[in-house]
Amino acid sequence: MFMQVKPTRKENKMNNSGKFAFGAAIGLLIGSALAYFSDRKKRKAFVKGFNQTADKAKAGVVEGYYEAKEQYEKYRDMLKKKASEVGGTVSEFVGSTADKAKKALEKGAEEAKAAINRDDDKTSSNK
């Protein structure tokens, strides 16, 4: 489908010089690090500084954990309280609605009995 274009000599030379520069930079970094850490005092100072930084990071993580746990417990307790309040309100509503329905049913039953009695009275007086 697509034709591959071969790089020119100039492009190859630029690519190779880029690789060389990259390799030289890596070599320079490694050499500098070896020279720096070959000095015992500098190596100990680096390790001490690294350990202090790691300890600070660890303390920050632990502190963050406890803060998050505290927030979780706060919101959990708040939700439990609100859920309990809502549950009580729903229970009251359902109870009052059930009472109203029971009263309406009883009234309907009384009216039905009265209607039956009136109907019975009409039929007995017609006889």
Protein backbone atom coordinates (compact mmCIF):
# COMPACT_ATOMS: atom_id res chain seq x y z
CA MET A 1 0.00 0.00 0.00
CA PHE A 2 2.42 2.64 1.18
CA MET A 3 5.88 2.93 -0.20
CA GLN A 4 8.64 3.09 2.32
CA VAL A 5 10.87 6.06 1.83
CA LYS A 6 14.50 5.39 2.58
CA PRO A 7 16.18 8.07 4.65
CA THR A 8 18.85 10.06 2.90
CA ARG A 9 22.48 9.98 3.98
CA LYS A 10 22.03 13.35 5.64
CA GLU A 11 19.04 12.10 7.65
CA ASN A 12 20.98 8.95 8.64
CA LYS A 13 23.90 11.08 9.77
CA MET A 14 21.57 13.33 11.85
CA ASN A 15 19.89 10.27 13.35
CA ASN A 16 23.23 8.70 14.23
CA SER A 17 24.50 11.93 15.77
CA GLY A 18 21.31 12.11 17.89
CA LYS A 19 21.92 8.57 19.11
CA PHE A 20 25.51 9.46 19.90
CA ALA A 21 24.48 12.57 21.86
CA PHE A 22 21.90 10.57 23.81
CA GLY A 23 24.46 7.86 24.62
CA ALA A 24 27.02 10.46 25.67
CA ALA A 25 24.48 12.13 27.99
CA ILE A 26 23.57 8.80 29.59
CA GLY A 27 27.25 7.98 30.05
CA LEU A 28 27.88 11.37 31.59
CA LEU A 29 25.00 10.89 34.05
CA ILE A 30 26.18 7.43 35.06
CA GLY A 31 29.77 8.63 35.46
CA SER A 32 28.69 11.60 37.56
CA ALA A 33 26.57 9.39 39.78
CA LEU A 34 29.44 6.94 40.29
CA ALA A 35 31.83 9.75 41.14
CA TYR A 36 29.34 11.34 43.54
CA PHE A 37 28.55 8.09 45.35
CA SER A 38 32.17 7.00 45.55
CA ASP A 39 32.60 9.66 48.26
CA ARG A 40 31.45 8.00 51.50
CA LYS A 41 30.22 11.25 53.15
CA LYS A 42 28.14 12.24 50.14
CA ARG A 43 26.71 8.75 49.86
CA LYS A 44 25.67 8.76 53.56
CA ALA A 45 24.19 12.25 53.23
CA PHE A 46 22.20 11.14 50.19
CA VAL A 47 20.89 8.03 51.94
CA LYS A 48 20.00 10.07 55.04
CA GLY A 49 18.15 12.66 52.95
CA PHE A 50 16.38 9.92 51.00
CA ASN A 51 15.32 8.18 54.21
CA GLN A 52 14.03 11.46 55.68
CA THR A 53 12.01 12.11 52.54
CA ALA A 54 10.61 8.57 52.63
CA ASP A 55 9.69 8.96 56.32
CA LYS A 56 7.89 12.25 55.60
CA ALA A 57 6.00 10.63 52.73
CA LYS A 58 5.06 7.67 54.94
CA ALA A 59 3.86 10.00 57.72
CA GLY A 60 1.81 11.94 55.16
CA VAL A 61 0.17 8.77 53.91
CA VAL A 62 -0.63 7.59 57.44
CA GLU A 63 -2.02 11.02 58.35
CA GLY A 64 -4.11 11.06 55.17
CA TYR A 65 -5.44 7.61 55.98
CA TYR A 66 -6.59 8.63 59.45
CA GLU A 67 -8.15 11.85 58.13
CA ALA A 68 -10.04 9.89 55.49
CA LYS A 69 -11.15 7.34 58.09
CA GLU A 70 -12.39 10.13 60.37
CA GLN A 71 -14.36 11.72 57.51
CA TYR A 72 -15.82 8.33 56.57
CA GLU A 73 -17.00 7.71 60.14
CA LYS A 74 -18.45 11.23 60.39
CA TYR A 75 -20.50 10.87 57.21
CA ARG A 76 -21.49 7.29 58.03
CA ASP A 77 -22.88 8.38 61.40
CA MET A 78 -24.65 11.33 59.78
CA LEU A 79 -26.25 9.04 57.19
CA LYS A 80 -27.34 6.58 59.87
CA LYS A 81 -28.99 9.40 61.83
CA LYS A 82 -30.76 10.78 58.75
CA ALA A 83 -31.88 7.29 57.70
CA SER A 84 -33.29 6.71 61.16
CA GLU A 85 -35.16 10.03 61.02
CA VAL A 86 -36.54 9.23 57.58
CA GLY A 87 -37.51 5.75 58.74
CA GLY A 88 -39.41 7.23 61.70
CA THR A 89 -41.18 9.72 59.45
CA VAL A 90 -42.12 7.00 56.97
CA SER A 91 -43.34 4.79 59.79
CA GLU A 92 -45.52 7.60 61.16
CA PHE A 93 -46.89 8.33 57.68
CA VAL A 94 -47.65 4.68 56.99
CA GLY A 95 -49.26 4.29 60.42
CA SER A 96 -51.48 7.36 60.01
CA THR A 97 -52.37 6.32 56.45
CA ALA A 98 -53.26 2.84 57.66
CA ASP A 99 -55.42 4.34 60.43
CA LYS A 100 -57.21 6.55 57.88
CA ALA A 101 -57.73 3.58 55.57
CA LYS A 102 -59.09 1.48 58.47
CA LYS A 103 -61.51 4.25 59.46
CA ALA A 104 -62.63 4.70 55.84
CA LEU A 105 -63.15 0.94 55.54
CA GLU A 106 -65.16 0.83 58.77
CA LYS A 107 -67.27 3.81 57.61
CA GLY A 108 -67.81 2.12 54.23
CA ALA A 109 -68.86 -1.10 56.01
CA GLU A 110 -71.31 0.83 58.22
CA GLU A 111 -72.77 2.61 55.19
CA ALA A 112 -73.07 -0.71 53.36
CA LYS A 113 -74.89 -2.25 56.35
CA ALA A 114 -77.19 0.77 56.55
CA ALA A 115 -77.94 0.51 52.84
CA ILE A 116 -78.69 -3.19 53.20
CA ASN A 117 -80.96 -2.49 56.16
CA ARG A 118 -82.81 0.23 54.21
CA ASP A 119 -83.19 -2.12 51.28
CA ASP A 120 -84.49 -4.85 53.62
CA ASP A 121 -86.92 -2.38 55.17
CA LYS A 122 -88.23 -1.36 51.73
CA THR A 123 -88.70 -4.95 50.60
CA SER A 124 -90.44 -5.98 53.83
CA SER A 125 -92.79 -2.98 53.71
CA ASN A 126 -93.67 -3.80 50.06
CA LYS A 127 -94.86 -7.24 51.02
